[in-house]
Amino acid sequence: MLQATQDDAAVAEALKKKPSRSDPPKPYKGTKLNGGRYLRVDQKAGKPVACMGEGPMPGDGDCEDVCYGEMCVSATAGVVTLDARWAPGTGSYAQKGFK
């Protein structure tokens, strides 16, 4: 995974390394260690999509604002859904046919 804070040299170095995710993607749950980030594989519009996001952990209690963000990606259709913190105006967006 790349970070927005990385400069060109750091990105070039990261691209020389083994990928940080498997192909096909393997689901994992959010943990305290990974900051609540998760990956699951869903079916949307009859097609597999990888949904990655971050959210509060069990026992974290209520949050004052939007506490999660999620993006689902299709191998053939690209980004198909975008929700909450990761979406403009913390809304929910979906390509037609993907909900």
PDB file of N, CA and C in Angstrom:
ATOM      1  N   MET A   1       0.852  -1.176   0.000  1.00  0.00           N
ATOM      2  CA  MET A   1       0.000   0.000   0.000  1.00  0.00           C
ATOM      3  C   MET A   1       0.891   1.230   0.000  1.00  0.00           C
ATOM      4  N   LEU A   2       0.460   2.234  -0.703  1.00  0.00           N
ATOM      5  CA  LEU A   2       1.199   3.487  -0.771  1.00  0.00           C
ATOM      6  C   LEU A   2       0.495   4.535   0.071  1.00  0.00           C
ATOM      7  N   GLN A   3       1.257   5.480   0.559  1.00  0.00           N
ATOM      8  CA  GLN A   3       0.730   6.561   1.381  1.00  0.00           C
ATOM      9  C   GLN A   3       0.909   7.880   0.645  1.00  0.00           C
ATOM     10  N   ALA A   4      -0.014   8.795   0.831  1.00  0.00           N
ATOM     11  CA  ALA A   4       0.053  10.104   0.181  1.00  0.00           C
ATOM     12  C   ALA A   4       1.290  10.889   0.615  1.00  0.00           C
ATOM     13  N   THR A   5       1.849  10.561   1.767  1.00  0.00           N
ATOM     14  CA  THR A   5       3.017  11.283   2.273  1.00  0.00           C
ATOM     15  C   THR A   5       4.327  10.806   1.642  1.00  0.00           C
ATOM     16  N   GLN A   6       4.291   9.713   0.883  1.00  0.00           N
ATOM     17  CA  GLN A   6       5.521   9.202   0.276  1.00  0.00           C
ATOM     18  C   GLN A   6       5.940  10.070  -0.903  1.00  0.00           C
ATOM     19  N   ASP A   7       7.253  10.336  -0.999  1.00  0.00           N
ATOM     20  CA  ASP A   7       7.759  11.073  -2.154  1.00  0.00           C
ATOM     21  C   ASP A   7       8.024  10.086  -3.295  1.00  0.00           C
ATOM     22  N   ASP A   8       8.449  10.593  -4.445  1.00  0.00           N
ATOM     23  CA  ASP A   8       8.650   9.749  -5.624  1.00  0.00           C
ATOM     24  C   ASP A   8       9.648   8.626  -5.373  1.00  0.00           C
ATOM     25  N   ALA A   9      10.712   8.919  -4.655  1.00  0.00           N
ATOM     26  CA  ALA A   9      11.732   7.892  -4.383  1.00  0.00           C
ATOM     27  C   ALA A   9      11.151   6.767  -3.524  1.00  0.00           C
ATOM     28  N   ALA A  10      10.342   7.114  -2.525  1.00  0.00           N
ATOM     29  CA  ALA A  10       9.728   6.105  -1.654  1.00  0.00           C
ATOM     30  C   ALA A  10       8.723   5.257  -2.433  1.00  0.00           C
ATOM     31  N   VAL A  11       7.968   5.875  -3.336  1.00  0.00           N
ATOM     32  CA  VAL A  11       7.017   5.120  -4.159  1.00  0.00           C
ATOM     33  C   VAL A  11       7.772   4.173  -5.087  1.00  0.00           C
ATOM     34  N   ALA A  12       8.829   4.659  -5.728  1.00  0.00           N
ATOM     35  CA  ALA A  12       9.625   3.809  -6.626  1.00  0.00           C
ATOM     36  C   ALA A  12      10.194   2.619  -5.867  1.00  0.00           C
ATOM     37  N   GLU A  13      10.647   2.839  -4.655  1.00  0.00           N
ATOM     38  CA  GLU A  13      11.195   1.751  -3.831  1.00  0.00           C
ATOM     39  C   GLU A  13      10.099   0.764  -3.452  1.00  0.00           C
ATOM     40  N   ALA A  14       8.931   1.265  -3.087  1.00  0.00           N
ATOM     41  CA  ALA A  14       7.818   0.390  -2.714  1.00  0.00           C
ATOM     42  C   ALA A  14       7.374  -0.481  -3.886  1.00  0.00           C
ATOM     43  N   LEU A  15       7.416   0.057  -5.098  1.00  0.00           N
ATOM     44  CA  LEU A  15       6.994  -0.697  -6.274  1.00  0.00           C
ATOM     45  C   LEU A  15       7.944  -1.841  -6.624  1.00  0.00           C
ATOM     46  N   LYS A  16       9.161  -1.814  -6.088  1.00  0.00           N
ATOM     47  CA  LYS A  16      10.119  -2.902  -6.307  1.00  0.00           C
ATOM     48  C   LYS A  16       9.836  -4.103  -5.408  1.00  0.00           C
ATOM     49  N   LYS A  17       9.066  -3.882  -4.337  1.00  0.00           N
ATOM     50  CA  LYS A  17       8.791  -4.928  -3.354  1.00  0.00           C
ATOM     51  C   LYS A  17       7.627  -5.808  -3.783  1.00  0.00           C
ATOM     52  N   LYS A  18       7.505  -6.920  -3.090  1.00  0.00           N
ATOM     53  CA  LYS A  18       6.383  -7.828  -3.288  1.00  0.00           C
ATOM     54  C   LYS A  18       5.081  -7.080  -2.985  1.00  0.00           C
ATOM     55  N   PRO A  19       3.993  -7.340  -3.728  1.00  0.00           N
ATOM     56  CA  PRO A  19       2.725  -6.659  -3.443  1.00  0.00           C
ATOM     57  C   PRO A  19       2.277  -6.885  -1.995  1.00  0.00           C
ATOM     58  N   SER A  20       1.606  -5.890  -1.437  1.00  0.00           N
ATOM     59  CA  SER A  20       1.155  -5.994  -0.051  1.00  0.00           C
ATOM     60  C   SER A  20      -0.160  -6.751   0.070  1.00  0.00           C
ATOM     61  N   ARG A  21      -0.808  -7.057  -1.037  1.00  0.00           N
ATOM     62  CA  ARG A  21      -2.066  -7.790  -1.020  1.00  0.00           C
ATOM     63  C   ARG A  21      -1.982  -8.974  -1.976  1.00  0.00           C
ATOM     64  N   SER A  22      -2.734 -10.008  -1.678  1.00  0.00           N
ATOM     65  CA  SER A  22      -2.737 -11.209  -2.503  1.00  0.00           C
ATOM     66  C   SER A  22      -3.603 -10.999  -3.748  1.00  0.00           C
ATOM     67  N   ASP A  23      -3.408 -11.856  -4.735  1.00  0.00           N
ATOM     68  CA  ASP A  23      -4.226 -11.832  -5.943  1.00  0.00           C
ATOM     69  C   ASP A  23      -4.685 -13.258  -6.205  1.00  0.00           C
ATOM     70  N   PRO A  24      -5.951 -13.579  -5.996  1.00  0.00           N
ATOM     71  CA  PRO A  24      -7.040 -12.678  -5.656  1.00  0.00           C
ATOM     72  C   PRO A  24      -6.965 -12.232  -4.195  1.00  0.00           C
ATOM     73  N   PRO A  25      -7.646 -11.153  -3.851  1.00  0.00           N
ATOM     74  CA  PRO A  25      -7.594 -10.646  -2.477  1.00  0.00           C
ATOM     75  C   PRO A  25      -8.172 -11.637  -1.482  1.00  0.00           C
ATOM     76  N   LYS A  26      -7.563 -11.700  -0.316  1.00  0.00           N
ATOM     77  CA  LYS A  26      -8.055 -12.550   0.778  1.00  0.00           C
ATOM     78  C   LYS A  26      -8.659 -11.648   1.845  1.00  0.00           C
ATOM     79  N   PRO A  27      -9.894 -11.948   2.258  1.00  0.00           N
ATOM     80  CA  PRO A  27     -10.542 -11.124   3.282  1.00  0.00           C
ATOM     81  C   PRO A  27      -9.788 -11.152   4.617  1.00  0.00           C
ATOM     82  N   TYR A  28      -9.878 -10.051   5.348  1.00  0.00           N
ATOM     83  CA  TYR A  28      -9.356  -9.989   6.714  1.00  0.00           C
ATOM     84  C   TYR A  28     -10.210  -9.018   7.511  1.00  0.00           C
ATOM     85  N   LYS A  29     -10.224  -9.209   8.809  1.00  0.00           N
ATOM     86  CA  LYS A  29     -11.041  -8.376   9.699  1.00  0.00           C
ATOM     87  C   LYS A  29     -10.229  -7.209  10.227  1.00  0.00           C
ATOM     88  N   GLY A  30     -10.955  -6.171  10.638  1.00  0.00           N
ATOM     89  CA  GLY A  30     -10.315  -5.037  11.280  1.00  0.00           C
ATOM     90  C   GLY A  30      -9.848  -5.424  12.678  1.00  0.00           C
ATOM     91  N   THR A  31      -8.672  -4.975  13.022  1.00  0.00           N
ATOM     92  CA  THR A  31      -8.115  -5.233  14.350  1.00  0.00           C
ATOM     93  C   THR A  31      -7.532  -3.940  14.904  1.00  0.00           C
ATOM     94  N   LYS A  32      -7.234  -3.948  16.174  1.00  0.00           N
ATOM     95  CA  LYS A  32      -6.567  -2.776  16.766  1.00  0.00           C
ATOM     96  C   LYS A  32      -5.210  -2.560  16.095  1.00  0.00           C
ATOM     97  N   LEU A  33      -4.525  -3.669  15.779  1.00  0.00           N
ATOM     98  CA  LEU A  33      -3.197  -3.581  15.173  1.00  0.00           C
ATOM     99  C   LEU A  33      -3.238  -2.876  13.813  1.00  0.00           C
ATOM    100  N   ASN A  34      -4.288  -3.136  13.012  1.00  0.00           N
ATOM    101  CA  ASN A  34      -4.344  -2.503  11.692  1.00  0.00           C
ATOM    102  C   ASN A  34      -5.292  -1.301  11.652  1.00  0.00           C
ATOM    103  N   GLY A  35      -5.630  -0.767  12.811  1.00  0.00           N
ATOM    104  CA  GLY A  35      -6.430   0.452  12.890  1.00  0.00           C
ATOM    105  C   GLY A  35      -7.866   0.283  12.418  1.00  0.00           C
ATOM    106  N   GLY A  36      -8.390  -0.943  12.519  1.00  0.00           N
ATOM    107  CA  GLY A  36      -9.772  -1.182  12.126  1.00  0.00           C
ATOM    108  C   GLY A  36      -9.977  -1.370  10.635  1.00  0.00           C
ATOM    109  N   ARG A  37      -8.873  -1.442   9.868  1.00  0.00           N
ATOM    110  CA  ARG A  37      -9.005  -1.658   8.427  1.00  0.00           C
ATOM    111  C   ARG A  37      -9.403  -3.107   8.152  1.00  0.00           C
ATOM    112  N   TYR A  38     -10.222  -3.310   7.127  1.00  0.00           N
ATOM    113  CA  TYR A  38     -10.686  -4.650   6.773  1.00  0.00           C
ATOM    114  C   TYR A  38     -10.794  -4.790   5.266  1.00  0.00           C
ATOM    115  N   LEU A  39     -10.931  -6.030   4.828  1.00  0.00           N
ATOM    116  CA  LEU A  39     -11.187  -6.339   3.427  1.00  0.00           C
ATOM    117  C   LEU A  39     -12.147  -7.513   3.388  1.00  0.00           C
ATOM    118  N   ARG A  40     -13.208  -7.380   2.621  1.00  0.00           N
ATOM    119  CA  ARG A  40     -14.110  -8.504   2.415  1.00  0.00           C
ATOM    120  C   ARG A  40     -14.416  -8.584   0.927  1.00  0.00           C
ATOM    121  N   VAL A  41     -14.795  -9.763   0.494  1.00  0.00           N
ATOM    122  CA  VAL A  41     -15.171  -9.964  -0.902  1.00  0.00           C
ATOM    123  C   VAL A  41     -16.676 -10.197  -0.928  1.00  0.00           C
ATOM    124  N   ASP A  42     -17.395  -9.349  -1.649  1.00  0.00           N
ATOM    125  CA  ASP A  42     -18.850  -9.400  -1.759  1.00  0.00           C
ATOM    126  C   ASP A  42     -19.245  -9.676  -3.199  1.00  0.00           C
ATOM    127  N   GLN A  43     -20.524  -9.905  -3.388  1.00  0.00           N
ATOM    128  CA  GLN A  43     -21.124  -9.974  -4.719  1.00  0.00           C
ATOM    129  C   GLN A  43     -21.997  -8.730  -4.884  1.00  0.00           C
ATOM    130  N   LYS A  44     -21.758  -7.956  -5.899  1.00  0.00           N
ATOM    131  CA  LYS A  44     -22.592  -6.795  -6.218  1.00  0.00           C
ATOM    132  C   LYS A  44     -22.901  -6.880  -7.709  1.00  0.00           C
ATOM    133  N   ALA A  45     -24.158  -6.772  -8.044  1.00  0.00           N
ATOM    134  CA  ALA A  45     -24.607  -6.887  -9.433  1.00  0.00           C
ATOM    135  C   ALA A  45     -24.141  -8.224 -10.028  1.00  0.00           C
ATOM    136  N   GLY A  46     -24.089  -9.254  -9.183  1.00  0.00           N
ATOM    137  CA  GLY A  46     -23.701 -10.584  -9.649  1.00  0.00           C
ATOM    138  C   GLY A  46     -22.216 -10.750  -9.927  1.00  0.00           C
ATOM    139  N   LYS A  47     -21.407  -9.781  -9.512  1.00  0.00           N
ATOM    140  CA  LYS A  47     -19.961  -9.830  -9.767  1.00  0.00           C
ATOM    141  C   LYS A  47     -19.201  -9.716  -8.449  1.00  0.00           C
ATOM    142  N   PRO A  48     -18.050 -10.401  -8.352  1.00  0.00           N
ATOM    143  CA  PRO A  48     -17.263 -10.257  -7.124  1.00  0.00           C
ATOM    144  C   PRO A  48     -16.619  -8.873  -7.052  1.00  0.00           C
ATOM    145  N   VAL A  49     -16.662  -8.285  -5.886  1.00  0.00           N
ATOM    146  CA  VAL A  49     -16.011  -7.000  -5.638  1.00  0.00           C
ATOM    147  C   VAL A  49     -15.233  -7.096  -4.329  1.00  0.00           C
ATOM    148  N   ALA A  50     -14.107  -6.433  -4.273  1.00  0.00           N
ATOM    149  CA  ALA A  50     -13.318  -6.346  -3.046  1.00  0.00           C
ATOM    150  C   ALA A  50     -13.698  -5.053  -2.351  1.00  0.00           C
ATOM    151  N   CYS A  51     -14.194  -5.161  -1.114  1.00  0.00           N
ATOM    152  CA  CYS A  51     -14.592  -3.990  -0.332  1.00  0.00           C
ATOM    153  C   CYS A  51     -13.584  -3.790   0.788  1.00  0.00           C
ATOM    154  N   MET A  52     -12.934  -2.641   0.756  1.00  0.00           N
ATOM    155  CA  MET A  52     -11.966  -2.332   1.802  1.00  0.00           C
ATOM    156  C   MET A  52     -12.443  -1.106   2.556  1.00  0.00           C
ATOM    157  N   GLY A  53     -12.143  -1.094   3.825  1.00  0.00           N
ATOM    158  CA  GLY A  53     -12.586   0.034   4.615  1.00  0.00           C
ATOM    159  C   GLY A  53     -11.922   0.070   5.964  1.00  0.00           C
ATOM    160  N   GLU A  54     -12.412   0.979   6.770  1.00  0.00           N
ATOM    161  CA  GLU A  54     -11.960   1.087   8.150  1.00  0.00           C
ATOM    162  C   GLU A  54     -13.144   1.521   8.988  1.00  0.00           C
ATOM    163  N   GLY A  55     -13.173   1.060  10.207  1.00  0.00           N
ATOM    164  CA  GLY A  55     -14.276   1.408  11.081  1.00  0.00           C
ATOM    165  C   GLY A  55     -13.927   1.159  12.532  1.00  0.00           C
ATOM    166  N   PRO A  56     -14.842   1.500  13.418  1.00  0.00           N
ATOM    167  CA  PRO A  56     -14.582   1.305  14.843  1.00  0.00           C
ATOM    168  C   PRO A  56     -14.533  -0.181  15.199  1.00  0.00           C
ATOM    169  N   MET A  57     -13.816  -0.474  16.216  1.00  0.00           N
ATOM    170  CA  MET A  57     -13.682  -1.845  16.702  1.00  0.00           C
ATOM    171  C   MET A  57     -14.765  -2.113  17.737  1.00  0.00           C
ATOM    172  N   PRO A  58     -15.151  -3.389  17.909  1.00  0.00           N
ATOM    173  CA  PRO A  58     -16.105  -3.709  18.965  1.00  0.00           C
ATOM    174  C   PRO A  58     -15.604  -3.161  20.310  1.00  0.00           C
ATOM    175  N   GLY A  59     -16.496  -2.529  21.041  1.00  0.00           N
ATOM    176  CA  GLY A  59     -16.119  -1.964  22.337  1.00  0.00           C
ATOM    177  C   GLY A  59     -15.623  -0.538  22.269  1.00  0.00           C
ATOM    178  N   ASP A  60     -15.492   0.029  21.073  1.00  0.00           N
ATOM    179  CA  ASP A  60     -15.024   1.414  20.955  1.00  0.00           C
ATOM    180  C   ASP A  60     -16.067   2.423  21.429  1.00  0.00           C
ATOM    181  N   GLY A  61     -17.322   2.015  21.501  1.00  0.00           N
ATOM    182  CA  GLY A  61     -18.366   2.933  21.937  1.00  0.00           C
ATOM    183  C   GLY A  61     -18.858   3.808  20.807  1.00  0.00           C
ATOM    184  N   ASP A  62     -19.714   4.758  21.165  1.00  0.00           N
ATOM    185  CA  ASP A  62     -20.283   5.660  20.167  1.00  0.00           C
ATOM    186  C   ASP A  62     -19.228   6.616  19.629  1.00  0.00           C
ATOM    187  N   CYS A  63     -19.451   7.070  18.415  1.00  0.00           N
ATOM    188  CA  CYS A  63     -18.545   8.085  17.869  1.00  0.00           C
ATOM    189  C   CYS A  63     -19.338   9.362  17.652  1.00  0.00           C
ATOM    190  N   GLU A  64     -18.651  10.482  17.642  1.00  0.00           N
ATOM    191  CA  GLU A  64     -19.310  11.783  17.528  1.00  0.00           C
ATOM    192  C   GLU A  64     -19.693  12.123  16.097  1.00  0.00           C
ATOM    193  N   ASP A  65     -19.062  11.464  15.138  1.00  0.00           N
ATOM    194  CA  ASP A  65     -19.275  11.797  13.734  1.00  0.00           C
ATOM    195  C   ASP A  65     -19.283  10.500  12.936  1.00  0.00           C
ATOM    196  N   VAL A  66     -19.010  10.573  11.654  1.00  0.00           N
ATOM    197  CA  VAL A  66     -18.934   9.376  10.813  1.00  0.00           C
ATOM    198  C   VAL A  66     -17.670   8.606  11.180  1.00  0.00           C
ATOM    199  N   CYS A  67     -17.832   7.336  11.498  1.00  0.00           N
ATOM    200  CA  CYS A  67     -16.710   6.544  12.026  1.00  0.00           C
ATOM    201  C   CYS A  67     -16.183   5.490  11.069  1.00  0.00           C
ATOM    202  N   TYR A  68     -16.625   5.499   9.841  1.00  0.00           N
ATOM    203  CA  TYR A  68     -16.132   4.477   8.929  1.00  0.00           C
ATOM    204  C   TYR A  68     -16.023   5.051   7.520  1.00  0.00           C
ATOM    205  N   GLY A  69     -15.290   4.343   6.704  1.00  0.00           N
ATOM    206  CA  GLY A  69     -15.197   4.639   5.286  1.00  0.00           C
ATOM    207  C   GLY A  69     -15.032   3.328   4.553  1.00  0.00           C
ATOM    208  N   GLU A  70     -15.588   3.245   3.357  1.00  0.00           N
ATOM    209  CA  GLU A  70     -15.490   2.001   2.596  1.00  0.00           C
ATOM    210  C   GLU A  70     -15.511   2.289   1.108  1.00  0.00           C
ATOM    211  N   MET A  71     -14.739   1.475   0.369  1.00  0.00           N
ATOM    212  CA  MET A  71     -14.706   1.537  -1.080  1.00  0.00           C
ATOM    213  C   MET A  71     -14.737   0.104  -1.597  1.00  0.00           C
ATOM    214  N   CYS A  72     -15.589  -0.153  -2.577  1.00  0.00           N
ATOM    215  CA  CYS A  72     -15.658  -1.468  -3.203  1.00  0.00           C
ATOM    216  C   CYS A  72     -15.181  -1.348  -4.645  1.00  0.00           C
ATOM    217  N   VAL A  73     -14.343  -2.301  -5.059  1.00  0.00           N
ATOM    218  CA  VAL A  73     -13.709  -2.263  -6.369  1.00  0.00           C
ATOM    219  C   VAL A  73     -13.985  -3.562  -7.113  1.00  0.00           C
ATOM    220  N   SER A  74     -14.356  -3.430  -8.374  1.00  0.00           N
ATOM    221  CA  SER A  74     -14.565  -4.570  -9.266  1.00  0.00           C
ATOM    222  C   SER A  74     -13.367  -4.674 -10.206  1.00  0.00           C
ATOM    223  N   ALA A  75     -12.945  -5.876 -10.522  1.00  0.00           N
ATOM    224  CA  ALA A  75     -11.833  -6.075 -11.451  1.00  0.00           C
ATOM    225  C   ALA A  75     -12.179  -5.567 -12.847  1.00  0.00           C
ATOM    226  N   THR A  76     -13.462  -5.534 -13.185  1.00  0.00           N
ATOM    227  CA  THR A  76     -13.856  -5.112 -14.524  1.00  0.00           C
ATOM    228  C   THR A  76     -14.487  -3.723 -14.570  1.00  0.00           C
ATOM    229  N   ALA A  77     -15.089  -3.273 -13.471  1.00  0.00           N
ATOM    230  CA  ALA A  77     -15.806  -1.995 -13.479  1.00  0.00           C
ATOM    231  C   ALA A  77     -15.128  -0.909 -12.651  1.00  0.00           C
ATOM    232  N   GLY A  78     -13.992  -1.199 -12.035  1.00  0.00           N
ATOM    233  CA  GLY A  78     -13.302  -0.207 -11.215  1.00  0.00           C
ATOM    234  C   GLY A  78     -14.013   0.026  -9.897  1.00  0.00           C
ATOM    235  N   VAL A  79     -13.924   1.245  -9.388  1.00  0.00           N
ATOM    236  CA  VAL A  79     -14.585   1.585  -8.129  1.00  0.00           C
ATOM    237  C   VAL A  79     -16.095   1.569  -8.367  1.00  0.00           C
ATOM    238  N   VAL A  80     -16.817   0.734  -7.594  1.00  0.00           N
ATOM    239  CA  VAL A  80     -18.267   0.628  -7.802  1.00  0.00           C
ATOM    240  C   VAL A  80     -19.074   1.253  -6.675  1.00  0.00           C
ATOM    241  N   THR A  81     -18.528   1.331  -5.466  1.00  0.00           N
ATOM    242  CA  THR A  81     -19.196   2.039  -4.373  1.00  0.00           C
ATOM    243  C   THR A  81     -18.168   2.784  -3.535  1.00  0.00           C
ATOM    244  N   LEU A  82     -18.626   3.867  -2.946  1.00  0.00           N
ATOM    245  CA  LEU A  82     -17.798   4.695  -2.064  1.00  0.00           C
ATOM    246  C   LEU A  82     -18.725   5.226  -0.987  1.00  0.00           C
ATOM    247  N   ASP A  83     -18.356   5.024   0.272  1.00  0.00           N
ATOM    248  CA  ASP A  83     -19.240   5.392   1.383  1.00  0.00           C
ATOM    249  C   ASP A  83     -18.512   6.152   2.482  1.00  0.00           C
ATOM    250  N   ALA A  84     -19.279   6.971   3.168  1.00  0.00           N
ATOM    251  CA  ALA A  84     -18.937   7.646   4.422  1.00  0.00           C
ATOM    252  C   ALA A  84     -17.693   8.508   4.305  1.00  0.00           C
ATOM    253  N   ARG A  85     -16.741   8.361   5.220  1.00  0.00           N
ATOM    254  CA  ARG A  85     -15.583   9.261   5.267  1.00  0.00           C
ATOM    255  C   ARG A  85     -14.814   9.303   3.959  1.00  0.00           C
ATOM    256  N   TRP A  86     -14.876   8.243   3.197  1.00  0.00           N
ATOM    257  CA  TRP A  86     -14.086   8.195   1.965  1.00  0.00           C
ATOM    258  C   TRP A  86     -14.844   8.776   0.778  1.00  0.00           C
ATOM    259  N   ALA A  87     -16.029   9.305   1.000  1.00  0.00           N
ATOM    260  CA  ALA A  87     -16.858   9.829  -0.079  1.00  0.00           C
ATOM    261  C   ALA A  87     -17.097  11.323   0.129  1.00  0.00           C
ATOM    262  N   PRO A  88     -17.265  12.054  -0.964  1.00  0.00           N
ATOM    263  CA  PRO A  88     -17.575  13.482  -0.825  1.00  0.00           C
ATOM    264  C   PRO A  88     -18.823  13.700   0.027  1.00  0.00           C
ATOM    265  N   GLY A  89     -18.742  14.603   0.966  1.00  0.00           N
ATOM    266  CA  GLY A  89     -19.872  14.912   1.829  1.00  0.00           C
ATOM    267  C   GLY A  89     -20.312  13.756   2.699  1.00  0.00           C
ATOM    268  N   THR A  90     -19.419  12.820   2.914  1.00  0.00           N
ATOM    269  CA  THR A  90     -19.693  11.597   3.697  1.00  0.00           C
ATOM    270  C   THR A  90     -20.960  10.890   3.229  1.00  0.00           C
ATOM    271  N   GLY A  91     -21.197  10.918   1.920  1.00  0.00           N
ATOM    272  CA  GLY A  91     -22.380  10.271   1.347  1.00  0.00           C
ATOM    273  C   GLY A  91     -22.111   8.840   0.941  1.00  0.00           C
ATOM    274  N   SER A  92     -23.057   8.277   0.206  1.00  0.00           N
ATOM    275  CA  SER A  92     -22.935   6.942  -0.366  1.00  0.00           C
ATOM    276  C   SER A  92     -23.089   7.074  -1.872  1.00  0.00           C
ATOM    277  N   TYR A  93     -22.131   6.563  -2.595  1.00  0.00           N
ATOM    278  CA  TYR A  93     -22.132   6.650  -4.049  1.00  0.00           C
ATOM    279  C   TYR A  93     -21.969   5.256  -4.625  1.00  0.00           C
ATOM    280  N   ALA A  94     -22.663   4.977  -5.714  1.00  0.00           N
ATOM    281  CA  ALA A  94     -22.554   3.684  -6.369  1.00  0.00           C
ATOM    282  C   ALA A  94     -22.736   3.846  -7.874  1.00  0.00           C
ATOM    283  N   GLN A  95     -21.959   3.067  -8.630  1.00  0.00           N
ATOM    284  CA  GLN A  95     -22.201   3.010 -10.055  1.00  0.00           C
ATOM    285  C   GLN A  95     -23.580   2.396 -10.281  1.00  0.00           C
ATOM    286  N   LYS A  96     -24.217   2.761 -11.370  1.00  0.00           N
ATOM    287  CA  LYS A  96     -25.523   2.210 -11.696  1.00  0.00           C
ATOM    288  C   LYS A  96     -25.438   0.683 -11.730  1.00  0.00           C
ATOM    289  N   GLY A  97     -26.366   0.045 -11.011  1.00  0.00           N
ATOM    290  CA  GLY A  97     -26.397  -1.411 -10.949  1.00  0.00           C
ATOM    291  C   GLY A  97     -25.625  -1.992  -9.783  1.00  0.00           C
ATOM    292  N   PHE A  98     -24.808  -1.188  -9.121  1.00  0.00           N
ATOM    293  CA  PHE A  98     -24.028  -1.663  -7.967  1.00  0.00           C
ATOM    294  C   PHE A  98     -24.549  -0.947  -6.726  1.00  0.00           C
ATOM    295  N   LYS A  99     -25.140  -1.681  -5.823  1.00  0.00           N
ATOM    296  CA  LYS A  99     -25.621  -1.050  -4.596  1.00  0.00           C
ATOM    297  C   LYS A  99     -25.346  -1.896  -3.412  1.00  0.00           C
TER     298      LYS A  99
END
